[in-house]
Protein backbone atom coordinates (compact mmCIF):
# COMPACT_ATOMS: atom_id res chain seq x y z
CA MET A 1 -0.15 0.36 -0.31
CA SER A 2 2.94 2.11 0.81
CA SER A 3 4.42 1.57 -3.01
CA SER A 4 1.07 2.72 -4.08
CA ALA A 5 0.76 6.11 -1.82
CA ASP A 6 4.14 6.98 -3.21
CA ARG A 7 3.10 6.35 -6.74
CA LEU A 8 0.23 8.04 -6.55
CA ALA A 9 2.25 11.58 -4.96
CA MET A 10 5.01 10.85 -7.30
CA ASP A 11 2.30 11.22 -10.40
CA VAL A 12 0.75 14.15 -8.90
CA ALA A 13 4.25 16.10 -8.29
CA ASP A 14 5.00 14.92 -11.91
CA VAL A 15 1.40 16.60 -12.83
CA VAL A 16 2.10 19.87 -11.10
CA ARG A 17 5.15 19.79 -11.94
CA GLU A 18 4.11 19.84 -15.99
CA GLU A 19 1.37 22.30 -15.10
CA VAL A 20 3.77 25.13 -13.43
CA ARG A 21 6.25 24.45 -16.24
CA ALA A 22 3.23 25.12 -18.39
CA VAL A 23 2.02 28.06 -16.38
CA ARG A 24 5.84 29.35 -16.29
CA GLY A 25 5.84 29.19 -20.45
CA GLN A 26 2.59 30.90 -20.64
CA LEU A 27 3.97 33.83 -18.62
CA ALA A 28 7.31 33.93 -19.94
CA ASP A 29 5.47 34.54 -23.46
CA ALA A 30 2.80 36.81 -22.09
CA ALA A 31 5.50 39.09 -20.59
CA ARG A 32 7.25 39.58 -23.89
CA PRO A 33 5.84 41.70 -25.75
CA ALA A 34 5.09 43.91 -22.36
CA GLY A 35 8.95 44.11 -22.10
CA VAL A 36 9.30 44.97 -24.82
CA GLY A 37 6.27 47.37 -25.00
CA ILE A 38 7.95 49.01 -21.29
CA MET A 39 11.54 49.21 -23.40
CA LEU A 40 9.76 51.46 -26.11
CA VAL A 41 7.77 53.47 -23.67
CA ALA A 42 10.96 53.83 -21.74
CA ALA A 43 13.12 55.07 -25.38
CA ALA A 44 10.17 57.34 -25.75
CA GLY A 45 10.41 58.94 -22.54
CA GLY A 46 13.94 59.25 -23.14
CA CYS A 47 13.29 61.23 -26.61
CA LEU A 48 10.84 63.17 -25.10
CA VAL A 49 13.40 64.65 -22.15
CA LEU A 50 16.15 65.51 -24.78
CA GLY A 51 13.37 66.88 -27.21
CA ALA A 52 12.55 69.22 -23.80
CA GLY A 53 16.04 69.49 -23.74
CA ALA A 54 16.73 70.78 -27.20
CA ALA A 55 13.64 73.31 -26.98
CA SER A 56 15.02 74.72 -23.89
CA THR A 57 18.36 75.39 -25.74
CA THR A 58 16.65 76.78 -28.32
CA VAL A 59 14.13 79.20 -26.46
CA LEU A 60 17.27 80.55 -24.74
CA ARG A 61 19.33 80.89 -27.81
CA VAL A 62 15.93 82.82 -29.53
CA LEU A 63 16.10 85.03 -25.75
CA ASP A 64 19.74 85.65 -26.52
CA SER A 65 19.75 87.02 -29.33
CA PHE A 66 18.00 90.30 -28.07
CA LEU A 67 18.15 90.31 -24.19
CA PRO A 68 21.58 89.84 -22.23
CA ARG A 69 22.28 86.27 -21.64
CA ARG A 70 21.76 86.70 -17.73
CA LEU A 71 18.68 87.71 -18.21
CA ALA A 72 17.62 85.66 -20.90
CA ALA A 73 18.45 82.73 -18.99
CA SER A 74 17.11 84.08 -15.88
CA GLY A 75 13.62 84.65 -17.64
CA LEU A 76 13.73 80.88 -18.87
CA THR A 77 14.18 79.90 -15.70
CA LEU A 78 11.45 81.76 -13.74
CA GLY A 79 9.27 80.36 -16.71
CA TYR A 80 10.00 76.94 -15.66
CA VAL A 81 9.92 77.49 -12.31
CA ALA A 82 6.41 79.58 -12.14
CA ALA A 83 4.93 76.29 -14.26
CA ALA A 84 6.67 74.03 -12.23
CA VAL A 85 4.41 75.65 -9.16
CA VAL A 86 1.05 75.71 -11.23
CA LEU A 87 1.48 72.28 -12.36
CA GLY A 88 2.40 71.03 -8.77
CA ARG A 89 -0.57 72.71 -7.18
CA VAL A 90 -3.22 71.84 -9.69
CA GLY A 91 -1.97 68.23 -9.48
CA LEU A 92 -2.00 68.35 -5.89
CA ALA A 93 -5.43 69.74 -5.83
CA GLN A 94 -6.09 66.33 -8.03
CA LEU A 95 -4.71 64.25 -5.80
CA ARG A 96 -6.65 65.97 -2.73
CA ALA A 97 -9.80 65.52 -4.26
CA ALA A 98 -9.55 62.22 -5.16
CA GLY A 99 -9.73 61.54 -1.19
CA GLY A 100 -7.96 58.54 0.73
CA SER A 101 -4.58 57.60 0.17
CA SER A 102 -4.25 60.00 -3.02
CA ALA A 103 -4.81 63.00 -0.69
CA ARG A 104 -2.42 61.34 1.93
CA LEU A 105 0.66 61.69 -0.37
CA ALA A 106 -0.57 65.16 -1.59
CA GLU A 107 -0.07 66.05 1.99
CA GLU A 108 3.27 64.41 2.20
CA VAL A 109 4.59 65.50 -1.05
CA GLN A 110 3.49 68.86 -0.07
CA ASP A 111 5.18 68.57 3.00
CA VAL A 112 8.44 67.82 1.24
CA VAL A 113 8.30 70.28 -1.12
CA SER A 114 7.92 73.29 1.06
CA ALA A 115 11.12 71.49 3.77
CA THR A 116 12.87 71.22 0.06
CA ALA A 117 12.25 74.99 -0.74
CA GLY A 118 12.85 76.72 2.68
CA ARG A 119 16.25 75.32 1.62
CA VAL A 120 16.69 75.99 -1.97
CA VAL A 121 15.35 79.14 -1.97
CA PRO A 122 17.42 81.23 0.67
CA ALA A 123 20.40 79.80 -0.96
CA GLY A 124 19.53 80.52 -4.80
CA ALA A 125 18.77 84.25 -3.49
CA ALA A 126 22.37 84.15 -2.05
CA ALA A 127 23.06 83.11 -4.81
CA ALA A 128 22.06 85.55 -6.99
CA ARG A 129 22.72 88.63 -4.76
CA ASP A 130 27.03 87.21 -4.89
CA GLU A 131 26.21 86.95 -8.50
CA LEU A 132 24.83 90.21 -8.84
CA GLN A 133 27.31 92.05 -6.89
CA ARG A 134 30.29 90.77 -9.32
């Protein structure tokens, strides 16, 4: 009787192993196109960042053509910061409106940004003053 139970256990184990292999193969087959898709989306994101950098350089060169270099760079920087503030506030408002964990995330993000700005803004202002005094 022990040998029958052992054989049954071995047969069941073999069937389970075969099923696990089949499922693993199916998952691998399904993941391949997703992996390629993820890589393509990541590459598109990289191209987007490079395009934004090129556009920023173009805008700066245009501003340089009729403004002093420092004023052009400062104006462009101020424009980016203003856009970031507006977009960030709208995004945080959307997260708060969603409620639950999204609202908690919005509060955490706002706390981190406020703490960082509290350190960066004074340092940036001091650097700007030093540069203007040259």
